[in-house]
């Protein structure tokens, strides 16, 4: 399964670019989001398991926001089979995530538990399940496996994981990376605006300007390290300056994704 992930600091505009790319897709484009892939699985292979009313709603794109929820309900019974079929391929990746999460003293135990839940869902729903059903199109994500695993910024630790399963490197590594770059000052302004607008992660609420700027620099450094790790491993990386024209960046990302067809 080919997958392309967007990597960038918090507030870099990853989601905005991601949504622009999805809107600019053409009929012959062969890439989907993880949610779209799950919906495609139940539409093409397991549509008989859907109640008739839901089948019609999915067919005609009605109540679209519920489609992935319905897909996950149906696919839940395959979770154990999918995990077993992965043959512990991703154990090292998960251990790396947990190791760096436990070292983070800024997060409360509850927040750490929340992040564990999030990463579990991503690994299972966005990677293992889709691998199990052998999807034939590219998976494109703005919140992928790399983005939420701080340990991947540690090249030595990440290479150690790959060395444990060298024959599965192509499954653990993404097919390509879109790296969103911006300056610390721009990141600070964007996150400051996000806080004042009320669209904010709870971890940012009580930060003063000095702490917020330090957080921006740390997030930027982590994203850059992840991109550099991928480059060193031969994974194609498209660098995007988010300060440039959004339409131009959208076209660049589309061309990048299409190069893997």
Protein backbone atom coordinates (compact mmCIF):
# COMPACT_ATOMS: atom_id res chain seq x y z
CA UNK A 1 0.00 0.00 0.00
CA UNK A 2 1.35 3.39 -0.97
CA UNK A 3 0.84 6.23 1.47
CA UNK A 4 1.80 9.89 1.39
CA UNK A 5 1.79 11.92 4.59
CA UNK A 6 1.94 15.63 5.30
CA UNK A 7 4.47 16.62 7.96
CA UNK A 8 4.77 20.06 9.50
CA UNK A 9 4.75 22.04 12.71
CA UNK A 10 1.58 22.80 14.61
CA UNK A 11 -0.18 25.68 12.85
CA UNK A 12 1.73 25.19 9.60
CA UNK A 13 -1.46 24.96 7.57
CA UNK A 14 -1.33 21.22 6.92
CA UNK A 15 -5.09 20.73 7.12
CA UNK A 16 -5.79 23.74 4.89
CA UNK A 17 -3.46 22.43 2.19
CA UNK A 18 -4.81 18.92 2.61
CA UNK A 19 -8.39 20.10 2.03
CA UNK A 20 -7.34 22.21 -0.97
CA UNK A 21 -5.68 19.19 -2.57
CA UNK A 22 -8.78 17.05 -2.02
CA UNK A 23 -10.98 19.73 -3.62
CA UNK A 24 -8.64 19.96 -6.62
CA UNK A 25 -8.70 16.22 -7.39
CA UNK A 26 -9.70 15.13 -10.88
CA UNK A 27 -11.82 12.06 -11.73
CA UNK A 28 -8.76 10.09 -12.82
CA UNK A 29 -6.79 10.83 -9.64
CA UNK A 30 -6.07 7.61 -7.79
CA UNK A 31 -5.63 8.68 -4.19
CA UNK A 32 -7.96 8.72 -1.20
CA UNK A 33 -7.97 9.68 2.45
CA UNK A 34 -7.97 6.84 5.01
CA UNK A 35 -11.68 7.49 5.70
CA UNK A 36 -12.51 7.39 1.98
CA UNK A 37 -10.57 4.13 1.67
CA UNK A 38 -12.60 2.50 4.45
CA UNK A 39 -15.84 3.64 2.86
CA UNK A 40 -14.66 2.29 -0.50
CA UNK A 41 -13.97 -1.10 1.10
CA UNK A 42 -17.50 -1.51 2.40
CA UNK A 43 -19.02 -0.12 -0.80
CA UNK A 44 -17.16 -2.43 -3.14
CA UNK A 45 -16.63 -5.56 -1.06
CA UNK A 46 -18.96 -5.59 1.91
CA UNK A 47 -21.94 -3.57 0.73
CA UNK A 48 -24.21 -6.53 1.51
CA UNK A 49 -23.44 -6.03 5.21
CA UNK A 50 -24.88 -2.51 5.14
CA UNK A 51 -28.55 -1.99 6.01
CA UNK A 52 -30.44 -0.94 2.87
CA UNK A 53 -31.12 2.59 4.16
CA UNK A 54 -27.44 3.22 4.92
CA UNK A 55 -26.43 1.70 1.59
CA UNK A 56 -28.57 4.28 -0.19
CA UNK A 57 -27.24 7.14 1.95
CA UNK A 58 -23.66 6.19 1.11
CA UNK A 59 -24.43 5.64 -2.58
CA UNK A 60 -25.93 9.13 -2.95
CA UNK A 61 -23.48 10.86 -0.54
CA UNK A 62 -26.17 11.77 1.96
CA UNK A 63 -25.20 12.34 5.62
CA UNK A 64 -21.59 11.99 4.46
CA UNK A 65 -20.13 12.83 7.87
CA UNK A 66 -21.46 9.51 9.22
CA UNK A 67 -20.14 7.27 6.44
CA UNK A 68 -16.75 6.55 8.00
CA UNK A 69 -18.38 5.82 11.36
CA UNK A 70 -20.60 3.21 9.69
CA UNK A 71 -17.61 1.77 7.85
CA UNK A 72 -15.65 1.41 11.09
CA UNK A 73 -18.63 -0.33 12.74
CA UNK A 74 -18.65 -2.96 9.99
CA UNK A 75 -14.88 -3.32 9.79
CA UNK A 76 -14.50 -3.65 13.58
CA UNK A 77 -14.95 -7.41 13.40
CA UNK A 78 -11.80 -7.59 11.23
CA UNK A 79 -9.61 -5.74 13.75
CA UNK A 80 -8.15 -8.83 15.40
CA UNK A 81 -7.54 -10.60 12.07
CA UNK A 82 -5.88 -7.48 10.67
CA UNK A 83 -3.63 -7.09 13.73
CA UNK A 84 -2.60 -10.75 13.58
CA UNK A 85 -1.91 -10.50 9.85
CA UNK A 86 0.48 -7.60 10.44
CA UNK A 87 2.86 -10.10 12.12
CA UNK A 88 4.12 -7.52 14.64
CA UNK A 89 5.49 -5.39 11.79
CA UNK A 90 4.58 -2.18 13.57
CA UNK A 91 5.51 -3.15 17.14
CA UNK A 92 8.76 -1.19 17.00
CA UNK A 93 6.98 1.89 15.70
CA UNK A 94 4.49 1.71 18.58
CA UNK A 95 7.25 1.15 21.15
CA UNK A 96 9.09 4.19 19.82
CA UNK A 97 5.91 6.27 20.18
CA UNK A 98 5.37 5.08 23.75
CA UNK A 99 8.99 5.63 24.73
CA UNK A 100 8.97 9.30 23.69
CA UNK A 101 5.47 9.88 25.05
CA UNK A 102 6.48 8.66 28.52
CA UNK A 103 9.48 11.00 28.49
CA UNK A 104 7.23 14.03 27.94
CA UNK A 105 6.88 15.65 31.35
CA UNK A 106 4.64 18.43 30.09
CA UNK A 107 1.70 16.09 29.52
CA UNK A 108 -0.52 14.82 32.31
CA UNK A 109 -1.20 11.08 32.52
CA UNK A 110 -4.70 11.66 31.14
CA UNK A 111 -3.32 13.53 28.13
CA UNK A 112 -0.82 10.73 27.54
CA UNK A 113 -3.63 8.19 27.63
CA UNK A 114 -5.56 10.31 25.14
CA UNK A 115 -2.57 10.35 22.77
CA UNK A 116 -2.21 6.57 23.12
CA UNK A 117 -5.84 6.16 22.08
CA UNK A 118 -5.34 8.44 19.10
CA UNK A 119 -2.20 6.63 17.91
CA UNK A 120 -3.82 3.22 18.39
CA UNK A 121 -6.73 4.27 16.17
CA UNK A 122 -4.37 5.66 13.55
CA UNK A 123 -2.17 2.58 13.43
CA UNK A 124 -5.16 0.23 13.31
CA UNK A 125 -7.65 2.14 11.15
CA UNK A 126 -5.33 4.07 8.82
CA UNK A 127 -2.59 1.49 8.35
CA UNK A 128 -3.19 -2.09 9.51
CA UNK A 129 -6.83 -2.37 8.35
CA UNK A 130 -6.09 -0.82 4.95
CA UNK A 131 -3.08 -3.10 4.51
CA UNK A 132 -5.26 -6.08 5.42
CA UNK A 133 -7.73 -5.23 2.66
CA UNK A 134 -4.88 -4.52 0.25
CA UNK A 135 -6.20 -1.22 -1.06
CA UNK A 136 -4.88 -0.49 -4.53
CA UNK A 137 -4.78 3.29 -4.44
CA UNK A 138 -2.56 5.83 -2.70
CA UNK A 139 -3.53 6.84 0.84
CA UNK A 140 -3.07 10.57 1.46
CA UNK A 141 -3.18 11.88 5.03
CA UNK A 142 -2.58 15.11 6.92
CA UNK A 143 -2.51 13.34 10.30
CA UNK A 144 -0.48 10.27 9.56
CA UNK A 145 1.72 7.86 11.42
CA UNK A 146 4.78 10.12 11.29
CA UNK A 147 3.05 13.30 12.38
CA UNK A 148 2.05 11.98 15.82
CA UNK A 149 5.17 9.93 16.58
CA UNK A 150 7.86 12.17 18.05
CA UNK A 151 10.33 9.30 18.15
CA UNK A 152 10.69 9.33 14.37
CA UNK A 153 12.67 12.58 14.68
CA UNK A 154 15.37 10.46 16.33
CA UNK A 155 17.11 8.96 13.29
CA UNK A 156 19.21 6.49 15.27
CA UNK A 157 16.18 5.10 17.12
CA UNK A 158 14.09 4.94 13.96
CA UNK A 159 16.81 3.18 11.97
CA UNK A 160 17.08 0.64 14.78
CA UNK A 161 13.39 -0.18 14.33
CA UNK A 162 13.83 -0.61 10.59
CA UNK A 163 16.84 -2.87 11.12
CA UNK A 164 14.68 -5.21 13.20
CA UNK A 165 12.34 -5.78 10.24
CA UNK A 166 14.38 -4.89 7.12
CA UNK A 167 12.03 -6.78 4.78
CA UNK A 168 9.12 -4.61 5.96
CA UNK A 169 10.81 -1.22 5.62
CA UNK A 170 8.57 -0.42 2.64
CA UNK A 171 5.50 -0.95 4.86
CA UNK A 172 6.77 1.10 7.80
CA UNK A 173 8.13 4.00 5.75
CA UNK A 174 5.69 6.18 3.82
CA UNK A 175 5.94 6.27 0.02
CA UNK A 176 6.44 10.01 0.10
CA UNK A 177 6.34 13.03 2.39
CA UNK A 178 4.97 16.55 1.93
CA UNK A 179 6.97 18.71 4.31
CA UNK A 180 5.33 22.06 5.15
CA UNK A 181 7.94 24.67 6.07
CA UNK A 182 7.48 28.07 7.71
CA UNK A 183 9.43 30.46 9.93
CA UNK A 184 9.19 30.49 13.71
CA UNK A 185 7.74 34.01 13.55
CA UNK A 186 4.97 32.94 11.15
CA UNK A 187 4.24 29.86 13.24
CA UNK A 188 4.01 32.03 16.36
CA UNK A 189 1.59 34.48 14.69
CA UNK A 190 -0.63 31.68 13.41
CA UNK A 191 -0.81 29.89 16.73
CA UNK A 192 -1.35 33.17 18.58
CA UNK A 193 -4.29 33.88 16.25
CA UNK A 194 -5.59 30.35 16.79
CA UNK A 195 -5.56 30.88 20.56
CA UNK A 196 -7.33 34.26 20.32
CA UNK A 197 -9.95 32.71 18.02
CA UNK A 198 -10.70 29.96 20.51
CA UNK A 199 -9.50 27.25 18.11
CA UNK A 200 -6.81 25.93 20.36
CA UNK A 201 -5.41 22.75 21.85
CA UNK A 202 -5.76 22.71 25.63
CA UNK A 203 -2.00 22.39 26.04
CA UNK A 204 -1.55 25.89 24.52
CA UNK A 205 -4.12 27.79 26.58
CA UNK A 206 -1.89 28.78 29.49
CA UNK A 207 1.30 29.50 27.53
CA UNK A 208 2.70 33.03 27.64
CA UNK A 209 4.33 34.50 24.52
CA UNK A 210 7.82 33.31 25.43
CA UNK A 211 6.60 29.76 26.10
CA UNK A 212 4.50 29.74 22.93
CA UNK A 213 7.46 30.84 20.80
CA UNK A 214 9.61 28.11 22.38
CA UNK A 215 6.85 25.60 21.62
CA UNK A 216 6.73 26.80 17.99
CA UNK A 217 10.49 26.37 17.60
CA UNK A 218 10.35 22.89 19.13
CA UNK A 219 7.51 21.83 16.82
CA UNK A 220 9.33 23.23 13.77
CA UNK A 221 12.54 21.44 14.74
CA UNK A 222 10.72 18.13 15.19
CA UNK A 223 9.02 18.40 11.77
CA UNK A 224 12.31 19.27 10.08
CA UNK A 225 14.08 16.34 11.74
CA UNK A 226 11.36 13.93 10.59
CA UNK A 227 11.64 15.21 7.03
CA UNK A 228 15.43 14.86 7.15
CA UNK A 229 15.17 11.31 8.53
CA UNK A 230 12.91 10.38 5.62
CA UNK A 231 15.33 11.98 3.14
CA UNK A 232 18.25 10.05 4.61
CA UNK A 233 16.27 6.82 4.11
CA UNK A 234 15.59 7.62 0.46
CA UNK A 235 11.92 8.54 0.90
CA UNK A 236 10.93 11.28 -1.60
CA UNK A 237 10.20 14.54 0.22
CA UNK A 238 8.38 17.52 -1.31
CA UNK A 239 9.20 20.73 0.55
CA UNK A 240 6.41 23.28 0.58
CA UNK A 241 6.84 26.87 1.74
CA UNK A 242 3.43 27.60 3.23
CA UNK A 243 4.09 31.34 2.95
CA UNK A 244 3.83 31.00 -0.84
CA UNK A 245 0.67 31.01 -2.94
CA UNK A 246 -1.78 28.32 -1.78
CA UNK A 247 -2.91 27.47 -5.31
CA UNK A 248 0.69 26.99 -6.42
CA UNK A 249 1.39 24.76 -3.41
CA UNK A 250 -1.76 22.75 -4.09
CA UNK A 251 -0.66 22.08 -7.68
CA UNK A 252 2.82 21.09 -6.51
CA UNK A 253 1.37 18.56 -4.08
CA UNK A 254 -0.96 17.13 -6.73
CA UNK A 255 1.95 16.69 -9.14
CA UNK A 256 3.96 15.01 -6.38
CA UNK A 257 1.18 12.54 -5.56
CA UNK A 258 0.55 11.79 -9.25
CA UNK A 259 4.22 10.93 -9.73
CA UNK A 260 3.60 7.74 -7.72
CA UNK A 261 0.79 6.37 -9.93
